[in-house]
Amino acid sequence: MSRQERAKGGNSGCSIARRTGRVAALRREEEETVRRLAVNLSMILRDEWIRQIAAKPHLGQRPTPTNHYGSWADQARIGSLTPDRADKWWRVVRGASSDDVRDDTLHDLLTYAVPWLRERVA
């Protein structure tokens, strides 16, 4: 996506998991040499999404990770699930090792995000 598309509000999210109409997603924000990564989680039943977009076509065909939809969508930022309960962003610097970011992100995904998602699938 070009800088112009991002400036116009283009979709910066990418889906990392999908199951029966429920979506977990990542959000990226780009700078020149540093990328920031945050994890947004959403669980939206497929039937509920279909009802919502029938009434609100501006929502689009798929949920986006940066939108907060309201009480009909179960959503959380990964930082709110950690013991600190604080918003969490990871920084990846171009040309530098990202091993620590990878390890910490995977830890939080497996420790906090996966259990949160499993509770909602059950």
PDB file of N, CA and C in Angstrom:
ATOM      1  N   MET A   1       0.854  -1.170   0.000  1.00  0.00           N
ATOM      2  CA  MET A   1       0.000   0.000   0.000  1.00  0.00           C
ATOM      3  C   MET A   1       0.899   1.232   0.000  1.00  0.00           C
ATOM      4  N   SER A   2       0.603   2.194  -0.839  1.00  0.00           N
ATOM      5  CA  SER A   2       1.417   3.399  -0.951  1.00  0.00           C
ATOM      6  C   SER A   2       1.170   4.317   0.250  1.00  0.00           C
ATOM      7  N   ARG A   3       2.080   5.279   0.410  1.00  0.00           N
ATOM      8  CA  ARG A   3       1.900   6.264   1.485  1.00  0.00           C
ATOM      9  C   ARG A   3       0.621   7.060   1.279  1.00  0.00           C
ATOM     10  N   GLN A   4       0.284   7.342   0.016  1.00  0.00           N
ATOM     11  CA  GLN A   4      -0.941   8.086  -0.267  1.00  0.00           C
ATOM     12  C   GLN A   4      -2.165   7.293   0.170  1.00  0.00           C
ATOM     13  N   GLU A   5      -2.167   5.985  -0.091  1.00  0.00           N
ATOM     14  CA  GLU A   5      -3.297   5.155   0.330  1.00  0.00           C
ATOM     15  C   GLU A   5      -3.400   5.114   1.849  1.00  0.00           C
ATOM     16  N   ARG A   6      -2.247   5.003   2.544  1.00  0.00           N
ATOM     17  CA  ARG A   6      -2.264   5.003   4.009  1.00  0.00           C
ATOM     18  C   ARG A   6      -2.788   6.329   4.534  1.00  0.00           C
ATOM     19  N   ALA A   7      -2.358   7.434   3.895  1.00  0.00           N
ATOM     20  CA  ALA A   7      -2.806   8.761   4.337  1.00  0.00           C
ATOM     21  C   ALA A   7      -4.303   8.924   4.158  1.00  0.00           C
ATOM     22  N   LYS A   8      -4.878   8.227   3.168  1.00  0.00           N
ATOM     23  CA  LYS A   8      -6.315   8.312   2.926  1.00  0.00           C
ATOM     24  C   LYS A   8      -7.096   7.315   3.777  1.00  0.00           C
ATOM     25  N   GLY A   9      -6.404   6.621   4.685  1.00  0.00           N
ATOM     26  CA  GLY A   9      -7.106   5.709   5.581  1.00  0.00           C
ATOM     27  C   GLY A   9      -7.224   4.305   5.037  1.00  0.00           C
ATOM     28  N   GLY A  10      -6.271   3.900   4.217  1.00  0.00           N
ATOM     29  CA  GLY A  10      -6.302   2.542   3.679  1.00  0.00           C
ATOM     30  C   GLY A  10      -6.205   1.508   4.777  1.00  0.00           C
ATOM     31  N   ASN A  11      -6.615   0.314   4.492  1.00  0.00           N
ATOM     32  CA  ASN A  11      -6.608  -0.772   5.468  1.00  0.00           C
ATOM     33  C   ASN A  11      -5.185  -1.172   5.789  1.00  0.00           C
ATOM     34  N   SER A  12      -4.746  -0.975   7.049  1.00  0.00           N
ATOM     35  CA  SER A  12      -3.389  -1.319   7.452  1.00  0.00           C
ATOM     36  C   SER A  12      -3.348  -2.636   8.215  1.00  0.00           C
ATOM     37  N   GLY A  13      -4.465  -3.338   8.322  1.00  0.00           N
ATOM     38  CA  GLY A  13      -4.502  -4.552   9.112  1.00  0.00           C
ATOM     39  C   GLY A  13      -4.304  -5.777   8.262  1.00  0.00           C
ATOM     40  N   CYS A  14      -3.891  -6.845   8.921  1.00  0.00           N
ATOM     41  CA  CYS A  14      -3.791  -8.111   8.210  1.00  0.00           C
ATOM     42  C   CYS A  14      -4.319  -9.195   9.124  1.00  0.00           C
ATOM     43  N   SER A  15      -5.073 -10.091   8.582  1.00  0.00           N
ATOM     44  CA  SER A  15      -5.684 -11.144   9.379  1.00  0.00           C
ATOM     45  C   SER A  15      -4.651 -12.203   9.725  1.00  0.00           C
ATOM     46  N   ILE A  16      -4.627 -12.675  10.988  1.00  0.00           N
ATOM     47  CA  ILE A  16      -3.713 -13.746  11.351  1.00  0.00           C
ATOM     48  C   ILE A  16      -4.444 -15.037  11.678  1.00  0.00           C
ATOM     49  N   ALA A  17      -5.708 -14.972  11.939  1.00  0.00           N
ATOM     50  CA  ALA A  17      -6.445 -16.200  12.239  1.00  0.00           C
ATOM     51  C   ALA A  17      -7.917 -15.984  11.912  1.00  0.00           C
ATOM     52  N   ARG A  18      -8.533 -17.004  11.370  1.00  0.00           N
ATOM     53  CA  ARG A  18      -9.957 -16.890  11.065  1.00  0.00           C
ATOM     54  C   ARG A  18     -10.611 -18.233  11.348  1.00  0.00           C
ATOM     55  N   ARG A  19     -11.742 -18.231  12.044  1.00  0.00           N
ATOM     56  CA  ARG A  19     -12.466 -19.466  12.321  1.00  0.00           C
ATOM     57  C   ARG A  19     -13.933 -19.136  12.456  1.00  0.00           C
ATOM     58  N   THR A  20     -14.737 -19.703  11.599  1.00  0.00           N
ATOM     59  CA  THR A  20     -16.186 -19.578  11.636  1.00  0.00           C
ATOM     60  C   THR A  20     -16.639 -18.131  11.851  1.00  0.00           C
ATOM     61  N   GLY A  21     -16.109 -17.222  11.051  1.00  0.00           N
ATOM     62  CA  GLY A  21     -16.558 -15.843  11.141  1.00  0.00           C
ATOM     63  C   GLY A  21     -15.982 -15.058  12.286  1.00  0.00           C
ATOM     64  N   ARG A  22     -15.019 -15.614  12.972  1.00  0.00           N
ATOM     65  CA  ARG A  22     -14.375 -14.904  14.067  1.00  0.00           C
ATOM     66  C   ARG A  22     -12.973 -14.533  13.589  1.00  0.00           C
ATOM     67  N   VAL A  23     -12.517 -13.332  13.917  1.00  0.00           N
ATOM     68  CA  VAL A  23     -11.260 -12.853  13.359  1.00  0.00           C
ATOM     69  C   VAL A  23     -10.349 -12.315  14.451  1.00  0.00           C
ATOM     70  N   ALA A  24      -9.076 -12.668  14.379  1.00  0.00           N
ATOM     71  CA  ALA A  24      -8.034 -12.037  15.190  1.00  0.00           C
ATOM     72  C   ALA A  24      -7.159 -11.276  14.204  1.00  0.00           C
ATOM     73  N   ALA A  25      -6.715 -10.123  14.571  1.00  0.00           N
ATOM     74  CA  ALA A  25      -6.006  -9.327  13.579  1.00  0.00           C
ATOM     75  C   ALA A  25      -4.849  -8.550  14.177  1.00  0.00           C
ATOM     76  N   LEU A  26      -3.906  -8.204  13.322  1.00  0.00           N
ATOM     77  CA  LEU A  26      -2.769  -7.380  13.695  1.00  0.00           C
ATOM     78  C   LEU A  26      -2.928  -5.992  13.091  1.00  0.00           C
ATOM     79  N   ARG A  27      -2.369  -5.033  13.754  1.00  0.00           N
ATOM     80  CA  ARG A  27      -2.364  -3.677  13.217  1.00  0.00           C
ATOM     81  C   ARG A  27      -0.920  -3.206  13.140  1.00  0.00           C
ATOM     82  N   ARG A  28      -0.551  -2.586  12.020  1.00  0.00           N
ATOM     83  CA  ARG A  28       0.784  -2.042  11.827  1.00  0.00           C
ATOM     84  C   ARG A  28       0.689  -0.551  11.582  1.00  0.00           C
ATOM     85  N   GLU A  29       1.658   0.162  12.102  1.00  0.00           N
ATOM     86  CA  GLU A  29       1.825   1.557  11.743  1.00  0.00           C
ATOM     87  C   GLU A  29       3.264   1.720  11.311  1.00  0.00           C
ATOM     88  N   GLU A  30       3.471   2.346  10.154  1.00  0.00           N
ATOM     89  CA  GLU A  30       4.800   2.436   9.591  1.00  0.00           C
ATOM     90  C   GLU A  30       5.386   3.831   9.720  1.00  0.00           C
ATOM     91  N   GLU A  31       6.687   3.870   9.984  1.00  0.00           N
ATOM     92  CA  GLU A  31       7.478   5.084   9.935  1.00  0.00           C
ATOM     93  C   GLU A  31       8.604   4.796   8.952  1.00  0.00           C
ATOM     94  N   GLU A  32       9.562   5.719   8.795  1.00  0.00           N
ATOM     95  CA  GLU A  32      10.635   5.514   7.829  1.00  0.00           C
ATOM     96  C   GLU A  32      11.478   4.280   8.148  1.00  0.00           C
ATOM     97  N   THR A  33      12.001   4.160   9.349  1.00  0.00           N
ATOM     98  CA  THR A  33      12.875   3.036   9.676  1.00  0.00           C
ATOM     99  C   THR A  33      12.351   2.187  10.827  1.00  0.00           C
ATOM    100  N   VAL A  34      11.269   2.602  11.429  1.00  0.00           N
ATOM    101  CA  VAL A  34      10.714   1.876  12.569  1.00  0.00           C
ATOM    102  C   VAL A  34       9.281   1.478  12.244  1.00  0.00           C
ATOM    103  N   ARG A  35       8.960   0.246  12.532  1.00  0.00           N
ATOM    104  CA  ARG A  35       7.563  -0.203  12.411  1.00  0.00           C
ATOM    105  C   ARG A  35       7.070  -0.534  13.802  1.00  0.00           C
ATOM    106  N   ARG A  36       5.840  -0.128  14.060  1.00  0.00           N
ATOM    107  CA  ARG A  36       5.216  -0.428  15.347  1.00  0.00           C
ATOM    108  C   ARG A  36       4.115  -1.440  15.108  1.00  0.00           C
ATOM    109  N   LEU A  37       4.010  -2.388  15.993  1.00  0.00           N
ATOM    110  CA  LEU A  37       3.056  -3.477  15.853  1.00  0.00           C
ATOM    111  C   LEU A  37       2.234  -3.590  17.128  1.00  0.00           C
ATOM    112  N   ALA A  38       0.934  -3.637  16.983  1.00  0.00           N
ATOM    113  CA  ALA A  38       0.028  -3.880  18.104  1.00  0.00           C
ATOM    114  C   ALA A  38      -0.915  -5.003  17.693  1.00  0.00           C
ATOM    115  N   VAL A  39      -1.442  -5.724  18.661  1.00  0.00           N
ATOM    116  CA  VAL A  39      -2.351  -6.823  18.364  1.00  0.00           C
ATOM    117  C   VAL A  39      -3.744  -6.468  18.859  1.00  0.00           C
ATOM    118  N   ASN A  40      -4.702  -6.494  17.935  1.00  0.00           N
ATOM    119  CA  ASN A  40      -6.113  -6.281  18.236  1.00  0.00           C
ATOM    120  C   ASN A  40      -6.830  -7.607  18.023  1.00  0.00           C
ATOM    121  N   LEU A  41      -7.679  -7.985  18.946  1.00  0.00           N
ATOM    122  CA  LEU A  41      -8.425  -9.240  18.845  1.00  0.00           C
ATOM    123  C   LEU A  41      -9.910  -8.941  18.696  1.00  0.00           C
ATOM    124  N   SER A  42     -10.557  -9.699  17.833  1.00  0.00           N
ATOM    125  CA  SER A  42     -12.000  -9.565  17.647  1.00  0.00           C
ATOM    126  C   SER A  42     -12.615 -10.937  17.480  1.00  0.00           C
ATOM    127  N   MET A  43     -13.756 -11.134  18.123  1.00  0.00           N
ATOM    128  CA  MET A  43     -14.557 -12.335  17.925  1.00  0.00           C
ATOM    129  C   MET A  43     -15.943 -11.865  17.533  1.00  0.00           C
ATOM    130  N   ILE A  44     -16.288 -12.122  16.279  1.00  0.00           N
ATOM    131  CA  ILE A  44     -17.587 -11.691  15.762  1.00  0.00           C
ATOM    132  C   ILE A  44     -18.209 -12.888  15.054  1.00  0.00           C
ATOM    133  N   LEU A  45     -19.358 -13.300  15.514  1.00  0.00           N
ATOM    134  CA  LEU A  45     -20.048 -14.413  14.864  1.00  0.00           C
ATOM    135  C   LEU A  45     -20.396 -14.035  13.432  1.00  0.00           C
ATOM    136  N   ARG A  46     -20.226 -14.962  12.520  1.00  0.00           N
ATOM    137  CA  ARG A  46     -20.491 -14.704  11.113  1.00  0.00           C
ATOM    138  C   ARG A  46     -21.930 -14.219  10.898  1.00  0.00           C
ATOM    139  N   ASP A  47     -22.914 -14.865  11.541  1.00  0.00           N
ATOM    140  CA  ASP A  47     -24.313 -14.447  11.390  1.00  0.00           C
ATOM    141  C   ASP A  47     -24.533 -13.025  11.904  1.00  0.00           C
ATOM    142  N   GLU A  48     -23.865 -12.681  13.007  1.00  0.00           N
ATOM    143  CA  GLU A  48     -23.986 -11.320  13.546  1.00  0.00           C
ATOM    144  C   GLU A  48     -23.367 -10.313  12.584  1.00  0.00           C
ATOM    145  N   TRP A  49     -22.224 -10.653  12.000  1.00  0.00           N
ATOM    146  CA  TRP A  49     -21.598  -9.741  11.041  1.00  0.00           C
ATOM    147  C   TRP A  49     -22.523  -9.512   9.846  1.00  0.00           C
ATOM    148  N   ILE A  50     -23.142 -10.568   9.347  1.00  0.00           N
ATOM    149  CA  ILE A  50     -24.054 -10.457   8.207  1.00  0.00           C
ATOM    150  C   ILE A  50     -25.234  -9.548   8.561  1.00  0.00           C
ATOM    151  N   ARG A  51     -25.793  -9.702   9.778  1.00  0.00           N
ATOM    152  CA  ARG A  51     -26.889  -8.823  10.212  1.00  0.00           C
ATOM    153  C   ARG A  51     -26.422  -7.360  10.282  1.00  0.00           C
ATOM    154  N   GLN A  52     -25.243  -7.166  10.816  1.00  0.00           N
ATOM    155  CA  GLN A  52     -24.744  -5.803  10.989  1.00  0.00           C
ATOM    156  C   GLN A  52     -24.462  -5.122   9.650  1.00  0.00           C
ATOM    157  N   ILE A  53     -23.857  -5.837   8.708  1.00  0.00           N
ATOM    158  CA  ILE A  53     -23.559  -5.183   7.428  1.00  0.00           C
ATOM    159  C   ILE A  53     -24.823  -4.988   6.586  1.00  0.00           C
ATOM    160  N   ALA A  54     -25.855  -5.795   6.828  1.00  0.00           N
ATOM    161  CA  ALA A  54     -27.128  -5.564   6.136  1.00  0.00           C
ATOM    162  C   ALA A  54     -27.710  -4.218   6.575  1.00  0.00           C
ATOM    163  N   ALA A  55     -27.576  -3.898   7.854  1.00  0.00           N
ATOM    164  CA  ALA A  55     -28.094  -2.640   8.390  1.00  0.00           C
ATOM    165  C   ALA A  55     -27.111  -1.482   8.198  1.00  0.00           C
ATOM    166  N   LYS A  56     -25.803  -1.812   8.112  1.00  0.00           N
ATOM    167  CA  LYS A  56     -24.756  -0.774   8.018  1.00  0.00           C
ATOM    168  C   LYS A  56     -23.751  -1.161   6.939  1.00  0.00           C
ATOM    169  N   PRO A  57     -24.107  -1.003   5.674  1.00  0.00           N
ATOM    170  CA  PRO A  57     -23.224  -1.440   4.581  1.00  0.00           C
ATOM    171  C   PRO A  57     -21.848  -0.778   4.592  1.00  0.00           C
ATOM    172  N   HIS A  58     -21.732   0.382   5.225  1.00  0.00           N
ATOM    173  CA  HIS A  58     -20.440   1.069   5.275  1.00  0.00           C
ATOM    174  C   HIS A  58     -19.385   0.267   6.041  1.00  0.00           C
ATOM    175  N   LEU A  59     -19.816  -0.747   6.806  1.00  0.00           N
ATOM    176  CA  LEU A  59     -18.858  -1.576   7.536  1.00  0.00           C
ATOM    177  C   LEU A  59     -17.978  -2.403   6.606  1.00  0.00           C
ATOM    178  N   GLY A  60     -18.446  -2.670   5.398  1.00  0.00           N
ATOM    179  CA  GLY A  60     -17.663  -3.463   4.453  1.00  0.00           C
ATOM    180  C   GLY A  60     -17.943  -4.949   4.602  1.00  0.00           C
ATOM    181  N   GLN A  61     -17.315  -5.736   3.780  1.00  0.00           N
ATOM    182  CA  GLN A  61     -17.574  -7.176   3.772  1.00  0.00           C
ATOM    183  C   GLN A  61     -16.879  -7.931   4.893  1.00  0.00           C
ATOM    184  N   ARG A  62     -15.773  -7.386   5.421  1.00  0.00           N
ATOM    185  CA  ARG A  62     -15.037  -8.052   6.492  1.00  0.00           C
ATOM    186  C   ARG A  62     -14.711  -7.065   7.599  1.00  0.00           C
ATOM    187  N   PRO A  63     -14.619  -7.548   8.835  1.00  0.00           N
ATOM    188  CA  PRO A  63     -14.200  -6.671   9.931  1.00  0.00           C
ATOM    189  C   PRO A  63     -12.770  -6.185   9.696  1.00  0.00           C
ATOM    190  N   THR A  64     -12.470  -5.000  10.173  1.00  0.00           N
ATOM    191  CA  THR A  64     -11.107  -4.499  10.126  1.00  0.00           C
ATOM    192  C   THR A  64     -10.570  -4.396  11.542  1.00  0.00           C
ATOM    193  N   PRO A  65      -9.295  -4.674  11.730  1.00  0.00           N
ATOM    194  CA  PRO A  65      -8.742  -4.756  13.080  1.00  0.00           C
ATOM    195  C   PRO A  65      -8.674  -3.436  13.827  1.00  0.00           C
ATOM    196  N   THR A  66      -8.758  -2.334  13.131  1.00  0.00           N
ATOM    197  CA  THR A  66      -8.628  -1.039  13.800  1.00  0.00           C
ATOM    198  C   THR A  66      -9.964  -0.427  14.203  1.00  0.00           C
ATOM    199  N   ASN A  67     -11.070  -1.021  13.797  1.00  0.00           N
ATOM    200  CA  ASN A  67     -12.391  -0.481  14.148  1.00  0.00           C
ATOM    201  C   ASN A  67     -12.913  -1.098  15.436  1.00  0.00           C
ATOM    202  N   HIS A  68     -13.553  -0.263  16.242  1.00  0.00           N
ATOM    203  CA  HIS A  68     -14.292  -0.769  17.402  1.00  0.00           C
ATOM    204  C   HIS A  68     -15.761  -0.772  17.001  1.00  0.00           C
ATOM    205  N   TYR A  69     -16.409  -1.927  17.088  1.00  0.00           N
ATOM    206  CA  TYR A  69     -17.753  -2.069  16.533  1.00  0.00           C
ATOM    207  C   TYR A  69     -18.889  -1.878  17.526  1.00  0.00           C
ATOM    208  N   GLY A  70     -18.655  -2.077  18.784  1.00  0.00           N
ATOM    209  CA  GLY A  70     -19.730  -1.922  19.752  1.00  0.00           C
ATOM    210  C   GLY A  70     -19.989  -3.209  20.511  1.00  0.00           C
ATOM    211  N   SER A  71     -21.085  -3.226  21.256  1.00  0.00           N
ATOM    212  CA  SER A  71     -21.362  -4.340  22.171  1.00  0.00           C
ATOM    213  C   SER A  71     -21.614  -5.666  21.460  1.00  0.00           C
ATOM    214  N   TRP A  72     -21.952  -5.651  20.192  1.00  0.00           N
ATOM    215  CA  TRP A  72     -22.217  -6.887  19.464  1.00  0.00           C
ATOM    216  C   TRP A  72     -20.933  -7.583  19.011  1.00  0.00           C
ATOM    217  N   ALA A  73     -19.793  -6.934  19.161  1.00  0.00           N
ATOM    218  CA  ALA A  73     -18.501  -7.523  18.791  1.00  0.00           C
ATOM    219  C   ALA A  73     -17.632  -7.622  20.033  1.00  0.00           C
ATOM    220  N   ASP A  74     -17.061  -8.777  20.264  1.00  0.00           N
ATOM    221  CA  ASP A  74     -16.163  -8.974  21.407  1.00  0.00           C
ATOM    222  C   ASP A  74     -14.755  -8.619  20.939  1.00  0.00           C
ATOM    223  N   GLN A  75     -14.185  -7.544  21.504  1.00  0.00           N
ATOM    224  CA  GLN A  75     -12.897  -7.053  21.049  1.00  0.00           C
ATOM    225  C   GLN A  75     -11.991  -6.714  22.224  1.00  0.00           C
ATOM    226  N   ALA A  76     -10.671  -6.846  21.991  1.00  0.00           N
ATOM    227  CA  ALA A  76      -9.693  -6.501  23.022  1.00  0.00           C
ATOM    228  C   ALA A  76      -8.355  -6.199  22.373  1.00  0.00           C
ATOM    229  N   ARG A  77      -7.592  -5.331  23.008  1.00  0.00           N
ATOM    230  CA  ARG A  77      -6.187  -5.136  22.653  1.00  0.00           C
ATOM    231  C   ARG A  77      -5.402  -6.098  23.520  1.00  0.00           C
ATOM    232  N   ILE A  78      -4.350  -6.678  22.979  1.00  0.00           N
ATOM    233  CA  ILE A  78      -3.608  -7.686  23.733  1.00  0.00           C
ATOM    234  C   ILE A  78      -3.066  -7.126  25.046  1.00  0.00           C
ATOM    235  N   GLY A  79      -2.677  -5.857  25.052  1.00  0.00           N
ATOM    236  CA  GLY A  79      -2.162  -5.262  26.288  1.00  0.00           C
ATOM    237  C   GLY A  79      -3.163  -5.303  27.426  1.00  0.00           C
ATOM    238  N   SER A  80      -4.451  -5.206  27.101  1.00  0.00           N
ATOM    239  CA  SER A  80      -5.480  -5.246  28.149  1.00  0.00           C
ATOM    240  C   SER A  80      -5.627  -6.625  28.761  1.00  0.00           C
ATOM    241  N   LEU A  81      -5.064  -7.645  28.117  1.00  0.00           N
ATOM    242  CA  LEU A  81      -5.142  -9.012  28.624  1.00  0.00           C
ATOM    243  C   LEU A  81      -3.925  -9.396  29.466  1.00  0.00           C
ATOM    244  N   THR A  82      -2.879  -8.587  29.424  1.00  0.00           N
ATOM    245  CA  THR A  82      -1.657  -8.878  30.169  1.00  0.00           C
ATOM    246  C   THR A  82      -1.820  -8.438  31.618  1.00  0.00           C
ATOM    247  N   PRO A  83      -0.946  -8.895  32.504  1.00  0.00           N
ATOM    248  CA  PRO A  83      -1.036  -8.466  33.910  1.00  0.00           C
ATOM    249  C   PRO A  83      -0.937  -6.949  34.094  1.00  0.00           C
ATOM    250  N   ASP A  84      -0.195  -6.261  33.215  1.00  0.00           N
ATOM    251  CA  ASP A  84      -0.068  -4.805  33.332  1.00  0.00           C
ATOM    252  C   ASP A  84      -1.333  -4.064  32.905  1.00  0.00           C
ATOM    253  N   ARG A  85      -2.180  -4.705  32.099  1.00  0.00           N
ATOM    254  CA  ARG A  85      -3.424  -4.113  31.590  1.00  0.00           C
ATOM    255  C   ARG A  85      -3.176  -2.772  30.875  1.00  0.00           C
ATOM    256  N   ALA A  86      -2.023  -2.671  30.210  1.00  0.00           N
ATOM    257  CA  ALA A  86      -1.656  -1.433  29.519  1.00  0.00           C
ATOM    258  C   ALA A  86      -1.528  -1.700  28.023  1.00  0.00           C
ATOM    259  N   ASP A  87      -1.846  -0.701  27.215  1.00  0.00           N
ATOM    260  CA  ASP A  87      -1.700  -0.832  25.773  1.00  0.00           C
ATOM    261  C   ASP A  87      -0.259  -1.225  25.458  1.00  0.00           C
ATOM    262  N   LYS A  88      -0.083  -2.095  24.485  1.00  0.00           N
ATOM    263  CA  LYS A  88       1.252  -2.600  24.194  1.00  0.00           C
ATOM    264  C   LYS A  88       1.540  -2.499  22.711  1.00  0.00           C
ATOM    265  N   TRP A  89       2.676  -1.889  22.401  1.00  0.00           N
ATOM    266  CA  TRP A  89       3.173  -1.781  21.036  1.00  0.00           C
ATOM    267  C   TRP A  89       4.577  -2.353  21.009  1.00  0.00           C
ATOM    268  N   TRP A  90       4.894  -3.059  19.936  1.00  0.00           N
ATOM    269  CA  TRP A  90       6.249  -3.543  19.720  1.00  0.00           C
ATOM    270  C   TRP A  90       6.861  -2.686  18.625  1.00  0.00           C
ATOM    271  N   ARG A  91       8.168  -2.427  18.736  1.00  0.00           N
ATOM    272  CA  ARG A  91       8.888  -1.636  17.739  1.00  0.00           C
ATOM    273  C   ARG A  91       9.902  -2.527  17.032  1.00  0.00           C
ATOM    274  N   VAL A  92       9.843  -2.502  15.706  1.00  0.00           N
ATOM    275  CA  VAL A  92      10.797  -3.226  14.885  1.00  0.00           C
ATOM    276  C   VAL A  92      11.594  -2.184  14.104  1.00  0.00           C
ATOM    277  N   VAL A  93      12.906  -2.205  14.288  1.00  0.00           N
ATOM    278  CA  VAL A  93      13.770  -1.236  13.634  1.00  0.00           C
ATOM    279  C   VAL A  93      14.420  -1.897  12.425  1.00  0.00           C
ATOM    280  N   ARG A  94      14.276  -1.252  11.278  1.00  0.00           N
ATOM    281  CA  ARG A  94      14.855  -1.788  10.042  1.00  0.00           C
ATOM    282  C   ARG A  94      16.362  -1.966  10.214  1.00  0.00           C
ATOM    283  N   GLY A  95      16.839  -3.160   9.855  1.00  0.00           N
ATOM    284  CA  GLY A  95      18.266  -3.448   9.922  1.00  0.00           C
ATOM    285  C   GLY A  95      18.724  -3.991  11.265  1.00  0.00           C
ATOM    286  N   ALA A  96      17.884  -3.928  12.298  1.00  0.00           N
ATOM    287  CA  ALA A  96      18.248  -4.439  13.625  1.00  0.00           C
ATOM    288  C   ALA A  96      17.589  -5.802  13.831  1.00  0.00           C
ATOM    289  N   SER A  97      18.129  -6.573  14.735  1.00  0.00           N
ATOM    290  CA  SER A  97      17.546  -7.874  15.051  1.00  0.00           C
ATOM    291  C   SER A  97      16.150  -7.681  15.635  1.00  0.00           C
ATOM    292  N   SER A  98      15.227  -8.495  15.179  1.00  0.00           N
ATOM    293  CA  SER A  98      13.861  -8.421  15.714  1.00  0.00           C
ATOM    294  C   SER A  98      13.541  -9.661  16.554  1.00  0.00           C
ATOM    295  N   ASP A  99      14.566 -10.395  16.946  1.00  0.00           N
ATOM    296  CA  ASP A  99      14.351 -11.620  17.725  1.00  0.00           C
ATOM    297  C   ASP A  99      13.605 -11.361  19.028  1.00  0.00           C
ATOM    298  N   ASP A 100      13.976 -10.303  19.755  1.00  0.00           N
ATOM    299  CA  ASP A 100      13.300 -10.003  21.025  1.00  0.00           C
ATOM    300  C   ASP A 100      11.835  -9.663  20.803  1.00  0.00           C
ATOM    301  N   VAL A 101      11.556  -8.897  19.747  1.00  0.00           N
ATOM    302  CA  VAL A 101      10.176  -8.541  19.425  1.00  0.00           C
ATOM    303  C   VAL A 101       9.404  -9.799  19.063  1.00  0.00           C
ATOM    304  N   ARG A 102       9.986 -10.634  18.231  1.00  0.00           N
ATOM    305  CA  ARG A 102       9.342 -11.896  17.840  1.00  0.00           C
ATOM    306  C   ARG A 102       9.015 -12.745  19.068  1.00  0.00           C
ATOM    307  N   ASP A 103      10.020 -12.918  19.936  1.00  0.00           N
ATOM    308  CA  ASP A 103       9.828 -13.761  21.117  1.00  0.00           C
ATOM    309  C   ASP A 103       8.761 -13.203  22.052  1.00  0.00           C
ATOM    310  N   ASP A 104       8.787 -11.889  22.294  1.00  0.00           N
ATOM    311  CA  ASP A 104       7.805 -11.278  23.194  1.00  0.00           C
ATOM    312  C   ASP A 104       6.405 -11.317  22.589  1.00  0.00           C
ATOM    313  N   THR A 105       6.316 -11.068  21.280  1.00  0.00           N
ATOM    314  CA  THR A 105       5.014 -11.115  20.604  1.00  0.00           C
ATOM    315  C   THR A 105       4.437 -12.527  20.654  1.00  0.00           C
ATOM    316  N   LEU A 106       5.251 -13.513  20.323  1.00  0.00           N
ATOM    317  CA  LEU A 106       4.774 -14.904  20.379  1.00  0.00           C
ATOM    318  C   LEU A 106       4.368 -15.297  21.795  1.00  0.00           C
ATOM    319  N   HIS A 107       5.141 -14.866  22.780  1.00  0.00           N
ATOM    320  CA  HIS A 107       4.789 -15.160  24.168  1.00  0.00           C
ATOM    321  C   HIS A 107       3.407 -14.600  24.501  1.00  0.00           C
ATOM    322  N   ASP A 108       3.180 -13.323  24.164  1.00  0.00           N
ATOM    323  CA  ASP A 108       1.891 -12.706  24.487  1.00  0.00           C
ATOM    324  C   ASP A 108       0.747 -13.329  23.689  1.00  0.00           C
ATOM    325  N   LEU A 109       1.003 -13.684  22.430  1.00  0.00           N
ATOM    326  CA  LEU A 109      -0.039 -14.343  21.639  1.00  0.00           C
ATOM    327  C   LEU A 109      -0.432 -15.675  22.259  1.00  0.00           C
ATOM    328  N   LEU A 110       0.564 -16.481  22.613  1.00  0.00           N
ATOM    329  CA  LEU A 110       0.276 -17.810  23.161  1.00  0.00           C
ATOM    330  C   LEU A 110      -0.259 -17.749  24.589  1.00  0.00           C
ATOM    331  N   THR A 111       0.244 -16.797  25.378  1.00  0.00           N
ATOM    332  CA  THR A 111      -0.138 -16.711  26.791  1.00  0.00           C
ATOM    333  C   THR A 111      -1.463 -15.995  27.007  1.00  0.00           C
ATOM    334  N   TYR A 112      -1.748 -14.968  26.221  1.00  0.00           N
ATOM    335  CA  TYR A 112      -2.929 -14.137  26.462  1.00  0.00           C
ATOM    336  C   TYR A 112      -3.961 -14.184  25.328  1.00  0.00           C
ATOM    337  N   ALA A 113      -3.516 -14.072  24.085  1.00  0.00           N
ATOM    338  CA  ALA A 113      -4.466 -13.989  22.967  1.00  0.00           C
ATOM    339  C   ALA A 113      -5.143 -15.325  22.683  1.00  0.00           C
ATOM    340  N   VAL A 114      -4.366 -16.397  22.606  1.00  0.00           N
ATOM    341  CA  VAL A 114      -4.960 -17.701  22.288  1.00  0.00           C
ATOM    342  C   VAL A 114      -5.988 -18.116  23.341  1.00  0.00           C
ATOM    343  N   PRO A 115      -5.677 -18.024  24.635  1.00  0.00           N
ATOM    344  CA  PRO A 115      -6.715 -18.363  25.623  1.00  0.00           C
ATOM    345  C   PRO A 115      -7.959 -17.471  25.510  1.00  0.00           C
ATOM    346  N   TRP A 116      -7.770 -16.178  25.250  1.00  0.00           N
ATOM    347  CA  TRP A 116      -8.906 -15.271  25.074  1.00  0.00           C
ATOM    348  C   TRP A 116      -9.774 -15.737  23.909  1.00  0.00           C
ATOM    349  N   LEU A 117      -9.142 -16.094  22.794  1.00  0.00           N
ATOM    350  CA  LEU A 117      -9.879 -16.565  21.628  1.00  0.00           C
ATOM    351  C   LEU A 117     -10.566 -17.906  21.914  1.00  0.00           C
ATOM    352  N   ARG A 118      -9.862 -18.817  22.565  1.00  0.00           N
ATOM    353  CA  ARG A 118     -10.449 -20.135  22.863  1.00  0.00           C
ATOM    354  C   ARG A 118     -11.682 -20.028  23.757  1.00  0.00           C
ATOM    355  N   GLU A 119     -11.632 -19.119  24.734  1.00  0.00           N
ATOM    356  CA  GLU A 119     -12.808 -18.923  25.605  1.00  0.00           C
ATOM    357  C   GLU A 119     -14.034 -18.539  24.811  1.00  0.00           C
ATOM    358  N   ARG A 120     -13.835 -17.808  23.739  1.00  0.00           N
ATOM    359  CA  ARG A 120     -14.955 -17.327  22.961  1.00  0.00           C
ATOM    360  C   ARG A 120     -15.414 -18.308  21.917  1.00  0.00           C
ATOM    361  N   VAL A 121     -14.574 -19.244  21.543  1.00  0.00           N
ATOM    362  CA  VAL A 121     -14.941 -20.270  20.559  1.00  0.00           C
ATOM    363  C   VAL A 121     -15.722 -21.394  21.234  1.00  0.00           C
ATOM    364  N   ALA A 122     -15.390 -21.651  22.480  1.00  0.00           N
ATOM    365  CA  ALA A 122     -16.014 -22.778  23.207  1.00  0.00           C
ATOM    366  C   ALA A 122     -17.500 -22.602  23.383  1.00  0.00           C
TER     367      ALA A 122
END
